[in-house]
Amino acid sequence: MLKQIDPLISPSLLHVLAMMGHGDELAIVDTNFPAYSMAEHTSYGSVLTIGANLTRSVQAVLTLLPLDTFVTAAATTMQVVGDAAMIPDTVAEITPLIAAEGVGQDTVERFAFYERARNAFAILHCQEARIYGNVLLRKGIIPG
């Protein structure tokens, strides 16, 4: 245990967050996501896990990870298949967390999300059982 670090942040996750550079993406994905088959393609090369739902996982990660303010959207979620305008509960819950960081959020089609996750720095497999509980977070910088 370390002081002032969320207890959900494992040593491995702490290491990955520290290794990431400006513009690298972390995919936080739900229990239905094919995390293990995609993780070998990421820079980290294996799946990280966290024992919480999407909202709590994003909260924990955002205590350490600065989001990219140089892009239009530093957070990207997966569109609902057949209804791209629909906002799933999982996304609605994390939207205020993203907004509080002062960055934009967008959404992409399912297979585009898979491709971005495959090319992410790492995949963090959370315990979100609801569908569409996935987000890509783009790391920013800590000025000066």
Protein backbone atom coordinates (compact mmCIF):
# COMPACT_ATOMS: atom_id res chain seq x y z
CA MET A 1 0.00 0.00 0.00
CA LEU A 2 1.08 3.53 -0.76
CA LYS A 3 -0.33 6.74 0.60
CA GLN A 4 -2.60 8.78 -1.69
CA ILE A 5 -2.78 6.05 -4.37
CA ASP A 6 -6.20 4.53 -4.91
CA PRO A 7 -6.13 0.94 -3.57
CA LEU A 8 -7.57 -0.28 -6.89
CA ILE A 9 -4.33 0.74 -8.62
CA SER A 10 -2.18 -2.40 -8.65
CA PRO A 11 1.62 -2.25 -8.88
CA SER A 12 1.38 -3.42 -12.51
CA LEU A 13 -1.17 -0.75 -13.40
CA LEU A 14 0.90 1.92 -11.65
CA HIS A 15 3.92 0.82 -13.68
CA VAL A 16 1.98 0.94 -16.96
CA LEU A 17 0.51 4.39 -16.26
CA ALA A 18 4.01 5.67 -15.50
CA MET A 19 5.45 4.12 -18.68
CA MET A 20 2.82 5.66 -20.95
CA GLY A 21 3.80 8.78 -22.84
CA HIS A 22 1.86 11.74 -24.19
CA GLY A 23 -0.70 10.50 -26.72
CA ASP A 24 -0.61 6.85 -25.63
CA GLU A 25 -4.02 5.30 -25.01
CA LEU A 26 -5.29 3.07 -22.22
CA ALA A 27 -8.33 0.95 -23.09
CA ILE A 28 -10.55 0.26 -20.08
CA VAL A 29 -12.91 -2.52 -21.15
CA ASP A 30 -15.85 -4.52 -19.82
CA THR A 31 -16.15 -8.24 -19.11
CA ASN A 32 -17.56 -8.96 -22.59
CA PHE A 33 -14.65 -7.31 -24.43
CA PRO A 34 -12.11 -9.65 -26.10
CA ALA A 35 -9.33 -8.21 -23.92
CA TYR A 36 -7.05 -11.24 -23.78
CA SER A 37 -7.00 -11.89 -27.52
CA MET A 38 -6.25 -8.22 -28.25
CA ALA A 39 -3.77 -7.51 -25.46
CA GLU A 40 -0.86 -9.25 -27.17
CA HIS A 41 -0.99 -6.55 -29.88
CA THR A 42 -0.66 -3.66 -27.39
CA SER A 43 2.63 -2.05 -26.38
CA TYR A 44 2.35 -3.61 -22.92
CA GLY A 45 1.57 -7.03 -24.40
CA SER A 46 -0.71 -8.46 -21.72
CA VAL A 47 -3.98 -7.72 -19.95
CA LEU A 48 -4.16 -5.72 -16.75
CA THR A 49 -7.13 -6.28 -14.45
CA ILE A 50 -8.95 -4.12 -11.95
CA GLY A 51 -11.61 -5.27 -9.50
CA ALA A 52 -14.26 -2.64 -10.14
CA ASN A 53 -16.92 -1.56 -12.61
CA LEU A 54 -16.18 0.96 -15.37
CA THR A 55 -17.10 4.07 -13.39
CA ARG A 56 -14.97 3.18 -10.38
CA SER A 57 -12.10 2.06 -12.64
CA VAL A 58 -12.12 5.37 -14.52
CA GLN A 59 -12.22 7.26 -11.20
CA ALA A 60 -9.17 5.36 -9.95
CA VAL A 61 -7.18 5.79 -13.17
CA LEU A 62 -7.96 9.51 -13.37
CA THR A 63 -6.39 10.08 -9.95
CA LEU A 64 -3.05 9.48 -11.69
CA LEU A 65 -3.48 9.82 -15.46
CA PRO A 66 -3.58 13.31 -16.98
CA LEU A 67 -5.78 13.43 -20.08
CA ASP A 68 -4.66 15.00 -23.35
CA THR A 69 -5.84 18.60 -23.70
CA PHE A 70 -4.24 18.98 -27.15
CA VAL A 71 -6.84 16.83 -28.93
CA THR A 72 -10.55 17.33 -29.54
CA ALA A 73 -11.46 14.20 -27.57
CA ALA A 74 -9.20 12.56 -24.98
CA ALA A 75 -11.83 9.91 -24.21
CA THR A 76 -13.50 7.65 -26.77
CA THR A 77 -16.33 5.21 -26.15
CA MET A 78 -17.90 2.49 -28.30
CA GLN A 79 -21.11 3.26 -30.20
CA VAL A 80 -24.15 1.06 -29.67
CA VAL A 81 -24.51 -1.27 -32.64
CA GLY A 82 -27.56 -0.23 -34.66
CA ASP A 83 -28.12 3.02 -32.70
CA ALA A 84 -25.01 5.21 -32.74
CA ALA A 85 -26.87 8.08 -31.02
CA MET A 86 -27.82 6.02 -27.97
CA ILE A 87 -25.86 6.72 -24.78
CA PRO A 88 -25.48 3.58 -22.66
CA ASP A 89 -25.71 3.91 -18.86
CA THR A 90 -22.03 3.00 -18.58
CA VAL A 91 -21.06 5.96 -20.79
CA ALA A 92 -23.50 8.34 -19.08
CA GLU A 93 -21.87 7.52 -15.73
CA ILE A 94 -18.30 8.29 -16.85
CA THR A 95 -19.15 11.40 -18.90
CA PRO A 96 -19.05 13.76 -15.86
CA LEU A 97 -15.70 12.27 -14.81
CA ILE A 98 -14.24 12.98 -18.25
CA ALA A 99 -15.79 16.47 -18.38
CA ALA A 100 -14.31 17.29 -14.96
CA GLU A 101 -10.87 16.75 -16.50
CA GLY A 102 -11.60 19.55 -18.99
CA VAL A 103 -11.38 17.39 -22.10
CA GLY A 104 -13.73 16.29 -24.84
CA GLN A 105 -15.25 12.88 -25.43
CA ASP A 106 -16.34 11.12 -28.60
CA THR A 107 -17.61 7.77 -29.75
CA VAL A 108 -16.63 5.42 -32.55
CA GLU A 109 -18.14 2.40 -34.26
CA ARG A 110 -17.55 -0.99 -32.60
CA PHE A 111 -14.86 -2.31 -34.96
CA ALA A 112 -13.05 1.04 -35.02
CA PHE A 113 -12.98 0.86 -31.21
CA TYR A 114 -11.56 -2.69 -31.39
CA GLU A 115 -8.80 -1.47 -33.71
CA ARG A 116 -7.90 1.43 -31.43
CA ALA A 117 -7.85 -0.90 -28.40
CA ARG A 118 -5.62 -3.34 -30.27
CA ASN A 119 -3.20 -0.46 -30.90
CA ALA A 120 -3.46 1.01 -27.39
CA PHE A 121 -0.55 1.07 -24.99
CA ALA A 122 -2.42 -1.34 -22.69
CA ILE A 123 -5.81 -2.90 -21.99
CA LEU A 124 -7.29 -2.70 -18.50
CA HIS A 125 -10.00 -5.35 -18.09
CA CYS A 126 -12.50 -4.15 -15.50
CA GLN A 127 -15.39 -5.97 -13.86
CA GLU A 128 -18.15 -4.06 -15.68
CA ALA A 129 -20.88 -6.60 -16.54
CA ARG A 130 -23.08 -4.15 -18.45
CA ILE A 131 -22.53 -3.91 -22.19
CA TYR A 132 -20.73 -0.95 -23.79
CA GLY A 133 -18.64 -0.40 -20.66
CA ASN A 134 -15.54 0.53 -22.67
CA VAL A 135 -13.47 3.69 -22.97
CA LEU A 136 -10.13 4.71 -24.44
CA LEU A 137 -8.26 7.36 -22.45
CA ARG A 138 -5.47 9.34 -24.17
CA LYS A 139 -2.66 10.37 -21.85
CA GLY A 140 -1.75 14.02 -21.69
CA ILE A 141 1.02 15.94 -19.99
CA ILE A 142 1.63 17.54 -16.63
CA PRO A 143 2.86 21.06 -17.41
CA GLY A 144 6.03 22.52 -15.98
